[in-house]
Amino acid sequence: MMSLLAIEAGHHRIAHLLRHRLDKGPVSRTLALMQKRGLIAIRTDPRDGRKPSISLTPKGRQVHDQVIVAALERERRLLACLRKDERKS
């Protein structure tokens, strides 16, 4: 979720994807927890109250940036045993 929000912060499409393409229960609980921890801001579109806008807060961006470094390193180590042509698949 954090990666999606980092890429497309504030877009209604992200809120739609998170709430309608994934299991609503876990997504709602995760978003509520992230909001409580100050990692995301959820705002309602003043023109259409049914469309929430979800974005990372500065704290959320900082956490994301730390996590993505670790995730990319883990991916690099996992792929290290594959040949170059195998990694492209």
PDB file of N, CA and C in Angstrom:
ATOM      1  N   MET A   1       0.820  -1.181   0.000  1.00  0.00           N
ATOM      2  CA  MET A   1       0.000   0.000   0.000  1.00  0.00           C
ATOM      3  C   MET A   1       0.866   1.249   0.000  1.00  0.00           C
ATOM      4  N   MET A   2       1.904   1.214   0.800  1.00  0.00           N
ATOM      5  CA  MET A   2       2.759   2.394   0.870  1.00  0.00           C
ATOM      6  C   MET A   2       3.412   2.688  -0.474  1.00  0.00           C
ATOM      7  N   SER A   3       3.810   1.642  -1.178  1.00  0.00           N
ATOM      8  CA  SER A   3       4.433   1.859  -2.485  1.00  0.00           C
ATOM      9  C   SER A   3       3.447   2.475  -3.468  1.00  0.00           C
ATOM     10  N   LEU A   4       2.225   1.981  -3.477  1.00  0.00           N
ATOM     11  CA  LEU A   4       1.208   2.567  -4.357  1.00  0.00           C
ATOM     12  C   LEU A   4       0.987   4.034  -4.022  1.00  0.00           C
ATOM     13  N   LEU A   5       0.906   4.337  -2.749  1.00  0.00           N
ATOM     14  CA  LEU A   5       0.678   5.717  -2.333  1.00  0.00           C
ATOM     15  C   LEU A   5       1.876   6.603  -2.633  1.00  0.00           C
ATOM     16  N   ALA A   6       3.078   6.046  -2.556  1.00  0.00           N
ATOM     17  CA  ALA A   6       4.273   6.820  -2.874  1.00  0.00           C
ATOM     18  C   ALA A   6       4.320   7.166  -4.357  1.00  0.00           C
ATOM     19  N   ILE A   7       3.833   6.247  -5.179  1.00  0.00           N
ATOM     20  CA  ILE A   7       3.860   6.460  -6.633  1.00  0.00           C
ATOM     21  C   ILE A   7       2.767   7.419  -7.086  1.00  0.00           C
ATOM     22  N   GLU A   8       1.576   7.263  -6.554  1.00  0.00           N
ATOM     23  CA  GLU A   8       0.432   8.044  -7.027  1.00  0.00           C
ATOM     24  C   GLU A   8      -0.301   8.710  -5.874  1.00  0.00           C
ATOM     25  N   ALA A   9       0.413   9.494  -5.121  1.00  0.00           N
ATOM     26  CA  ALA A   9      -0.149  10.127  -3.923  1.00  0.00           C
ATOM     27  C   ALA A   9      -1.389  10.960  -4.238  1.00  0.00           C
ATOM     28  N   GLY A  10      -2.415  10.734  -3.429  1.00  0.00           N
ATOM     29  CA  GLY A  10      -3.605  11.560  -3.492  1.00  0.00           C
ATOM     30  C   GLY A  10      -4.581  11.240  -4.606  1.00  0.00           C
ATOM     31  N   HIS A  11      -4.215  10.380  -5.525  1.00  0.00           N
ATOM     32  CA  HIS A  11      -5.115  10.089  -6.637  1.00  0.00           C
ATOM     33  C   HIS A  11      -6.287   9.237  -6.165  1.00  0.00           C
ATOM     34  N   HIS A  12      -7.474   9.588  -6.613  1.00  0.00           N
ATOM     35  CA  HIS A  12      -8.679   8.839  -6.251  1.00  0.00           C
ATOM     36  C   HIS A  12      -8.592   7.397  -6.741  1.00  0.00           C
ATOM     37  N   ARG A  13      -7.852   7.185  -7.805  1.00  0.00           N
ATOM     38  CA  ARG A  13      -7.701   5.849  -8.373  1.00  0.00           C
ATOM     39  C   ARG A  13      -7.058   4.902  -7.358  1.00  0.00           C
ATOM     40  N   ILE A  14      -6.129   5.413  -6.562  1.00  0.00           N
ATOM     41  CA  ILE A  14      -5.487   4.593  -5.544  1.00  0.00           C
ATOM     42  C   ILE A  14      -6.505   4.181  -4.491  1.00  0.00           C
ATOM     43  N   ALA A  15      -7.287   5.118  -4.032  1.00  0.00           N
ATOM     44  CA  ALA A  15      -8.319   4.799  -3.040  1.00  0.00           C
ATOM     45  C   ALA A  15      -9.262   3.749  -3.604  1.00  0.00           C
ATOM     46  N   HIS A  16      -9.638   3.901  -4.860  1.00  0.00           N
ATOM     47  CA  HIS A  16     -10.531   2.932  -5.500  1.00  0.00           C
ATOM     48  C   HIS A  16      -9.868   1.559  -5.557  1.00  0.00           C
ATOM     49  N   LEU A  17      -8.625   1.519  -5.988  1.00  0.00           N
ATOM     50  CA  LEU A  17      -7.907   0.255  -6.085  1.00  0.00           C
ATOM     51  C   LEU A  17      -7.795  -0.412  -4.720  1.00  0.00           C
ATOM     52  N   LEU A  18      -7.382   0.346  -3.719  1.00  0.00           N
ATOM     53  CA  LEU A  18      -7.190  -0.218  -2.389  1.00  0.00           C
ATOM     54  C   LEU A  18      -8.495  -0.720  -1.792  1.00  0.00           C
ATOM     55  N   ARG A  19      -9.573  -0.009  -2.027  1.00  0.00           N
ATOM     56  CA  ARG A  19     -10.834  -0.362  -1.384  1.00  0.00           C
ATOM     57  C   ARG A  19     -11.690  -1.328  -2.200  1.00  0.00           C
ATOM     58  N   HIS A  20     -11.506  -1.379  -3.512  1.00  0.00           N
ATOM     59  CA  HIS A  20     -12.406  -2.187  -4.333  1.00  0.00           C
ATOM     60  C   HIS A  20     -11.740  -3.375  -5.020  1.00  0.00           C
ATOM     61  N   ARG A  21     -10.455  -3.374  -5.160  1.00  0.00           N
ATOM     62  CA  ARG A  21      -9.774  -4.485  -5.832  1.00  0.00           C
ATOM     63  C   ARG A  21      -9.151  -5.456  -4.840  1.00  0.00           C
ATOM     64  N   LEU A  22      -9.000  -5.025  -3.616  1.00  0.00           N
ATOM     65  CA  LEU A  22      -8.434  -5.868  -2.579  1.00  0.00           C
ATOM     66  C   LEU A  22      -9.518  -6.157  -1.549  1.00  0.00           C
ATOM     67  N   ASP A  23      -9.257  -7.103  -0.662  1.00  0.00           N
ATOM     68  CA  ASP A  23     -10.216  -7.442   0.380  1.00  0.00           C
ATOM     69  C   ASP A  23     -10.447  -6.224   1.271  1.00  0.00           C
ATOM     70  N   LYS A  24     -11.674  -5.740   1.315  1.00  0.00           N
ATOM     71  CA  LYS A  24     -12.002  -4.486   1.993  1.00  0.00           C
ATOM     72  C   LYS A  24     -11.665  -4.477   3.474  1.00  0.00           C
ATOM     73  N   GLY A  25     -11.914  -5.584   4.168  1.00  0.00           N
ATOM     74  CA  GLY A  25     -11.670  -5.622   5.609  1.00  0.00           C
ATOM     75  C   GLY A  25     -10.224  -5.337   5.978  1.00  0.00           C
ATOM     76  N   PRO A  26      -9.291  -6.158   5.478  1.00  0.00           N
ATOM     77  CA  PRO A  26      -7.882  -5.907   5.807  1.00  0.00           C
ATOM     78  C   PRO A  26      -7.387  -4.542   5.322  1.00  0.00           C
ATOM     79  N   VAL A  27      -7.848  -4.110   4.153  1.00  0.00           N
ATOM     80  CA  VAL A  27      -7.425  -2.810   3.636  1.00  0.00           C
ATOM     81  C   VAL A  27      -7.907  -1.703   4.562  1.00  0.00           C
ATOM     82  N   SER A  28      -9.163  -1.743   4.964  1.00  0.00           N
ATOM     83  CA  SER A  28      -9.703  -0.717   5.858  1.00  0.00           C
ATOM     84  C   SER A  28      -8.968  -0.692   7.189  1.00  0.00           C
ATOM     85  N   ARG A  29      -8.694  -1.867   7.755  1.00  0.00           N
ATOM     86  CA  ARG A  29      -7.975  -1.927   9.033  1.00  0.00           C
ATOM     87  C   ARG A  29      -6.552  -1.389   8.884  1.00  0.00           C
ATOM     88  N   THR A  30      -5.896  -1.751   7.801  1.00  0.00           N
ATOM     89  CA  THR A  30      -4.525  -1.289   7.575  1.00  0.00           C
ATOM     90  C   THR A  30      -4.489   0.221   7.383  1.00  0.00           C
ATOM     91  N   LEU A  31      -5.419   0.736   6.582  1.00  0.00           N
ATOM     92  CA  LEU A  31      -5.457   2.191   6.374  1.00  0.00           C
ATOM     93  C   LEU A  31      -5.744   2.927   7.680  1.00  0.00           C
ATOM     94  N   ALA A  32      -6.661   2.402   8.492  1.00  0.00           N
ATOM     95  CA  ALA A  32      -6.976   3.033   9.780  1.00  0.00           C
ATOM     96  C   ALA A  32      -5.744   3.041  10.686  1.00  0.00           C
ATOM     97  N   LEU A  33      -5.008   1.930  10.712  1.00  0.00           N
ATOM     98  CA  LEU A  33      -3.807   1.855  11.532  1.00  0.00           C
ATOM     99  C   LEU A  33      -2.732   2.816  11.020  1.00  0.00           C
ATOM    100  N   MET A  34      -2.563   2.863   9.707  1.00  0.00           N
ATOM    101  CA  MET A  34      -1.581   3.777   9.118  1.00  0.00           C
ATOM    102  C   MET A  34      -1.945   5.231   9.427  1.00  0.00           C
ATOM    103  N   GLN A  35      -3.232   5.539   9.380  1.00  0.00           N
ATOM    104  CA  GLN A  35      -3.677   6.894   9.694  1.00  0.00           C
ATOM    105  C   GLN A  35      -3.428   7.201  11.174  1.00  0.00           C
ATOM    106  N   LYS A  36      -3.747   6.256  12.035  1.00  0.00           N
ATOM    107  CA  LYS A  36      -3.540   6.441  13.477  1.00  0.00           C
ATOM    108  C   LYS A  36      -2.063   6.674  13.794  1.00  0.00           C
ATOM    109  N   ARG A  37      -1.181   6.004  13.067  1.00  0.00           N
ATOM    110  CA  ARG A  37       0.266   6.154  13.283  1.00  0.00           C
ATOM    111  C   ARG A  37       0.839   7.392  12.591  1.00  0.00           C
ATOM    112  N   GLY A  38      -0.006   8.115  11.886  1.00  0.00           N
ATOM    113  CA  GLY A  38       0.449   9.340  11.228  1.00  0.00           C
ATOM    114  C   GLY A  38       1.198   9.108   9.932  1.00  0.00           C
ATOM    115  N   LEU A  39       1.001   7.936   9.319  1.00  0.00           N
ATOM    116  CA  LEU A  39       1.701   7.608   8.078  1.00  0.00           C
ATOM    117  C   LEU A  39       0.951   8.056   6.833  1.00  0.00           C
ATOM    118  N   ILE A  40      -0.371   8.158   6.925  1.00  0.00           N
ATOM    119  CA  ILE A  40      -1.182   8.585   5.790  1.00  0.00           C
ATOM    120  C   ILE A  40      -2.194   9.636   6.228  1.00  0.00           C
ATOM    121  N   ALA A  41      -2.654  10.386   5.256  1.00  0.00           N
ATOM    122  CA  ALA A  41      -3.753  11.326   5.464  1.00  0.00           C
ATOM    123  C   ALA A  41      -4.875  10.898   4.527  1.00  0.00           C
ATOM    124  N   ILE A  42      -6.075  10.821   5.070  1.00  0.00           N
ATOM    125  CA  ILE A  42      -7.249  10.477   4.265  1.00  0.00           C
ATOM    126  C   ILE A  42      -8.158  11.692   4.276  1.00  0.00           C
ATOM    127  N   ARG A  43      -8.397  12.237   3.106  1.00  0.00           N
ATOM    128  CA  ARG A  43      -9.246  13.416   2.972  1.00  0.00           C
ATOM    129  C   ARG A  43     -10.404  13.093   2.039  1.00  0.00           C
ATOM    130  N   THR A  44     -11.495  13.786   2.248  1.00  0.00           N
ATOM    131  CA  THR A  44     -12.662  13.619   1.393  1.00  0.00           C
ATOM    132  C   THR A  44     -12.655  14.707   0.331  1.00  0.00           C
ATOM    133  N   ASP A  45     -12.955  14.314  -0.885  1.00  0.00           N
ATOM    134  CA  ASP A  45     -13.059  15.273  -1.986  1.00  0.00           C
ATOM    135  C   ASP A  45     -14.228  16.204  -1.704  1.00  0.00           C
ATOM    136  N   PRO A  46     -13.985  17.511  -1.623  1.00  0.00           N
ATOM    137  CA  PRO A  46     -15.085  18.440  -1.332  1.00  0.00           C
ATOM    138  C   PRO A  46     -16.182  18.437  -2.397  1.00  0.00           C
ATOM    139  N   ARG A  47     -15.843  18.023  -3.615  1.00  0.00           N
ATOM    140  CA  ARG A  47     -16.848  17.984  -4.685  1.00  0.00           C
ATOM    141  C   ARG A  47     -17.641  16.688  -4.686  1.00  0.00           C
ATOM    142  N   ASP A  48     -17.054  15.634  -4.117  1.00  0.00           N
ATOM    143  CA  ASP A  48     -17.725  14.337  -4.087  1.00  0.00           C
ATOM    144  C   ASP A  48     -17.272  13.591  -2.843  1.00  0.00           C
ATOM    145  N   GLY A  49     -18.064  13.625  -1.799  1.00  0.00           N
ATOM    146  CA  GLY A  49     -17.728  13.033  -0.523  1.00  0.00           C
ATOM    147  C   GLY A  49     -17.524  11.532  -0.557  1.00  0.00           C
ATOM    148  N   ARG A  50     -17.877  10.893  -1.663  1.00  0.00           N
ATOM    149  CA  ARG A  50     -17.685   9.443  -1.784  1.00  0.00           C
ATOM    150  C   ARG A  50     -16.286   9.079  -2.235  1.00  0.00           C
ATOM    151  N   LYS A  51     -15.494  10.065  -2.629  1.00  0.00           N
ATOM    152  CA  LYS A  51     -14.163   9.808  -3.178  1.00  0.00           C
ATOM    153  C   LYS A  51     -13.077  10.265  -2.198  1.00  0.00           C
ATOM    154  N   PRO A  52     -12.542   9.333  -1.420  1.00  0.00           N
ATOM    155  CA  PRO A  52     -11.463   9.727  -0.512  1.00  0.00           C
ATOM    156  C   PRO A  52     -10.140   9.899  -1.261  1.00  0.00           C
ATOM    157  N   SER A  53      -9.321  10.773  -0.759  1.00  0.00           N
ATOM    158  CA  SER A  53      -7.979  10.976  -1.277  1.00  0.00           C
ATOM    159  C   SER A  53      -7.022  10.511  -0.193  1.00  0.00           C
ATOM    160  N   ILE A  54      -6.186   9.553  -0.501  1.00  0.00           N
ATOM    161  CA  ILE A  54      -5.263   8.982   0.468  1.00  0.00           C
ATOM    162  C   ILE A  54      -3.844   9.316   0.031  1.00  0.00           C
ATOM    163  N   SER A  55      -3.059   9.860   0.958  1.00  0.00           N
ATOM    164  CA  SER A  55      -1.677  10.187   0.615  1.00  0.00           C
ATOM    165  C   SER A  55      -0.771   9.956   1.822  1.00  0.00           C
ATOM    166  N   LEU A  56       0.505   9.747   1.531  1.00  0.00           N
ATOM    167  CA  LEU A  56       1.483   9.593   2.600  1.00  0.00           C
ATOM    168  C   LEU A  56       1.737  10.948   3.250  1.00  0.00           C
ATOM    169  N   THR A  57       1.886  10.948   4.542  1.00  0.00           N
ATOM    170  CA  THR A  57       2.310  12.147   5.258  1.00  0.00           C
ATOM    171  C   THR A  57       3.839  12.222   5.138  1.00  0.00           C
ATOM    172  N   PRO A  58       4.445  13.316   5.560  1.00  0.00           N
ATOM    173  CA  PRO A  58       5.911  13.347   5.558  1.00  0.00           C
ATOM    174  C   PRO A  58       6.518  12.185   6.358  1.00  0.00           C
ATOM    175  N   LYS A  59       5.919  11.840   7.486  1.00  0.00           N
ATOM    176  CA  LYS A  59       6.387  10.698   8.272  1.00  0.00           C
ATOM    177  C   LYS A  59       6.227   9.405   7.474  1.00  0.00           C
ATOM    178  N   GLY A  60       5.100   9.255   6.792  1.00  0.00           N
ATOM    179  CA  GLY A  60       4.861   8.074   5.963  1.00  0.00           C
ATOM    180  C   GLY A  60       5.850   7.965   4.822  1.00  0.00           C
ATOM    181  N   ARG A  61       6.181   9.082   4.213  1.00  0.00           N
ATOM    182  CA  ARG A  61       7.168   9.102   3.128  1.00  0.00           C
ATOM    183  C   ARG A  61       8.533   8.666   3.653  1.00  0.00           C
ATOM    184  N   GLN A  62       8.891   9.126   4.841  1.00  0.00           N
ATOM    185  CA  GLN A  62      10.166   8.761   5.445  1.00  0.00           C
ATOM    186  C   GLN A  62      10.218   7.254   5.718  1.00  0.00           C
ATOM    187  N   VAL A  63       9.154   6.709   6.283  1.00  0.00           N
ATOM    188  CA  VAL A  63       9.098   5.271   6.553  1.00  0.00           C
ATOM    189  C   VAL A  63       9.172   4.496   5.242  1.00  0.00           C
ATOM    190  N   HIS A  64       8.417   4.929   4.245  1.00  0.00           N
ATOM    191  CA  HIS A  64       8.442   4.274   2.934  1.00  0.00           C
ATOM    192  C   HIS A  64       9.857   4.245   2.374  1.00  0.00           C
ATOM    193  N   ASP A  65      10.540   5.378   2.423  1.00  0.00           N
ATOM    194  CA  ASP A  65      11.875   5.468   1.845  1.00  0.00           C
ATOM    195  C   ASP A  65      12.858   4.539   2.560  1.00  0.00           C
ATOM    196  N   GLN A  66      12.683   4.345   3.854  1.00  0.00           N
ATOM    197  CA  GLN A  66      13.539   3.417   4.593  1.00  0.00           C
ATOM    198  C   GLN A  66      13.211   1.969   4.227  1.00  0.00           C
ATOM    199  N   VAL A  67      11.934   1.660   4.133  1.00  0.00           N
ATOM    200  CA  VAL A  67      11.498   0.296   3.839  1.00  0.00           C
ATOM    201  C   VAL A  67      11.875  -0.100   2.410  1.00  0.00           C
ATOM    202  N   ILE A  68      11.751   0.810   1.465  1.00  0.00           N
ATOM    203  CA  ILE A  68      12.021   0.463   0.066  1.00  0.00           C
ATOM    204  C   ILE A  68      13.488   0.120  -0.139  1.00  0.00           C
ATOM    205  N   VAL A  69      14.385   0.783   0.585  1.00  0.00           N
ATOM    206  CA  VAL A  69      15.812   0.461   0.488  1.00  0.00           C
ATOM    207  C   VAL A  69      16.039  -0.982   0.935  1.00  0.00           C
ATOM    208  N   ALA A  70      15.443  -1.369   2.051  1.00  0.00           N
ATOM    209  CA  ALA A  70      15.588  -2.742   2.549  1.00  0.00           C
ATOM    210  C   ALA A  70      14.955  -3.739   1.589  1.00  0.00           C
ATOM    211  N   ALA A  71      13.793  -3.407   1.042  1.00  0.00           N
ATOM    212  CA  ALA A  71      13.095  -4.316   0.121  1.00  0.00           C
ATOM    213  C   ALA A  71      13.899  -4.523  -1.164  1.00  0.00           C
ATOM    214  N   LEU A  72      14.465  -3.469  -1.695  1.00  0.00           N
ATOM    215  CA  LEU A  72      15.255  -3.593  -2.924  1.00  0.00           C
ATOM    216  C   LEU A  72      16.525  -4.410  -2.682  1.00  0.00           C
ATOM    217  N   GLU A  73      17.127  -4.251  -1.519  1.00  0.00           N
ATOM    218  CA  GLU A  73      18.310  -5.051  -1.185  1.00  0.00           C
ATOM    219  C   GLU A  73      17.936  -6.524  -1.051  1.00  0.00           C
ATOM    220  N   ARG A  74      16.825  -6.799  -0.426  1.00  0.00           N
ATOM    221  CA  ARG A  74      16.355  -8.185  -0.290  1.00  0.00           C
ATOM    222  C   ARG A  74      16.094  -8.784  -1.675  1.00  0.00           C
ATOM    223  N   GLU A  75      15.460  -8.028  -2.548  1.00  0.00           N
ATOM    224  CA  GLU A  75      15.205  -8.505  -3.901  1.00  0.00           C
ATOM    225  C   GLU A  75      16.511  -8.786  -4.635  1.00  0.00           C
ATOM    226  N   ARG A  76      17.483  -7.902  -4.483  1.00  0.00           N
ATOM    227  CA  ARG A  76      18.774  -8.088  -5.141  1.00  0.00           C
ATOM    228  C   ARG A  76      19.426  -9.398  -4.679  1.00  0.00           C
ATOM    229  N   ARG A  77      19.369  -9.670  -3.374  1.00  0.00           N
ATOM    230  CA  ARG A  77      19.960 -10.903  -2.848  1.00  0.00           C
ATOM    231  C   ARG A  77      19.206 -12.138  -3.341  1.00  0.00           C
ATOM    232  N   LEU A  78      17.893 -12.066  -3.400  1.00  0.00           N
ATOM    233  CA  LEU A  78      17.100 -13.202  -3.872  1.00  0.00           C
ATOM    234  C   LEU A  78      17.377 -13.519  -5.337  1.00  0.00           C
ATOM    235  N   LEU A  79      17.574 -12.485  -6.137  1.00  0.00           N
ATOM    236  CA  LEU A  79      17.798 -12.681  -7.564  1.00  0.00           C
ATOM    237  C   LEU A  79      19.250 -12.991  -7.907  1.00  0.00           C
ATOM    238  N   ALA A  80      20.146 -12.815  -6.964  1.00  0.00           N
ATOM    239  CA  ALA A  80      21.583 -12.987  -7.221  1.00  0.00           C
ATOM    240  C   ALA A  80      21.933 -14.391  -7.714  1.00  0.00           C
ATOM    241  N   CYS A  81      21.166 -15.380  -7.343  1.00  0.00           N
ATOM    242  CA  CYS A  81      21.481 -16.757  -7.757  1.00  0.00           C
ATOM    243  C   CYS A  81      20.999 -17.065  -9.177  1.00  0.00           C
ATOM    244  N   LEU A  82      20.248 -16.156  -9.774  1.00  0.00           N
ATOM    245  CA  LEU A  82      19.729 -16.381 -11.131  1.00  0.00           C
ATOM    246  C   LEU A  82      20.669 -15.772 -12.175  1.00  0.00           C
ATOM    247  N   ARG A  83      20.665 -16.403 -13.350  1.00  0.00           N
ATOM    248  CA  ARG A  83      21.397 -15.824 -14.480  1.00  0.00           C
ATOM    249  C   ARG A  83      20.646 -14.572 -14.953  1.00  0.00           C
ATOM    250  N   LYS A  84      21.324 -13.723 -15.671  1.00  0.00           N
ATOM    251  CA  LYS A  84      20.732 -12.473 -16.142  1.00  0.00           C
ATOM    252  C   LYS A  84      19.468 -12.718 -16.964  1.00  0.00           C
ATOM    253  N   ASP A  85      19.496 -13.721 -17.851  1.00  0.00           N
ATOM    254  CA  ASP A  85      18.315 -14.001 -18.680  1.00  0.00           C
ATOM    255  C   ASP A  85      17.146 -14.540 -17.839  1.00  0.00           C
ATOM    256  N   GLU A  86      17.428 -15.176 -16.731  1.00  0.00           N
ATOM    257  CA  GLU A  86      16.376 -15.677 -15.850  1.00  0.00           C
ATOM    258  C   GLU A  86      15.736 -14.546 -15.045  1.00  0.00           C
ATOM    259  N   ARG A  87      16.460 -13.517 -14.768  1.00  0.00           N
ATOM    260  CA  ARG A  87      15.941 -12.392 -13.978  1.00  0.00           C
ATOM    261  C   ARG A  87      14.918 -11.576 -14.731  1.00  0.00           C
ATOM    262  N   LYS A  88      14.968 -11.556 -16.027  1.00  0.00           N
ATOM    263  CA  LYS A  88      14.054 -10.749 -16.824  1.00  0.00           C
ATOM    264  C   LYS A  88      12.642 -11.301 -16.849  1.00  0.00           C
ATOM    265  N   SER A  89      12.474 -12.568 -16.587  1.00  0.00           N
ATOM    266  CA  SER A  89      11.172 -13.228 -16.680  1.00  0.00           C
ATOM    267  C   SER A  89      10.229 -12.787 -15.629  1.00  0.00           C
TER     268      SER A  89
END
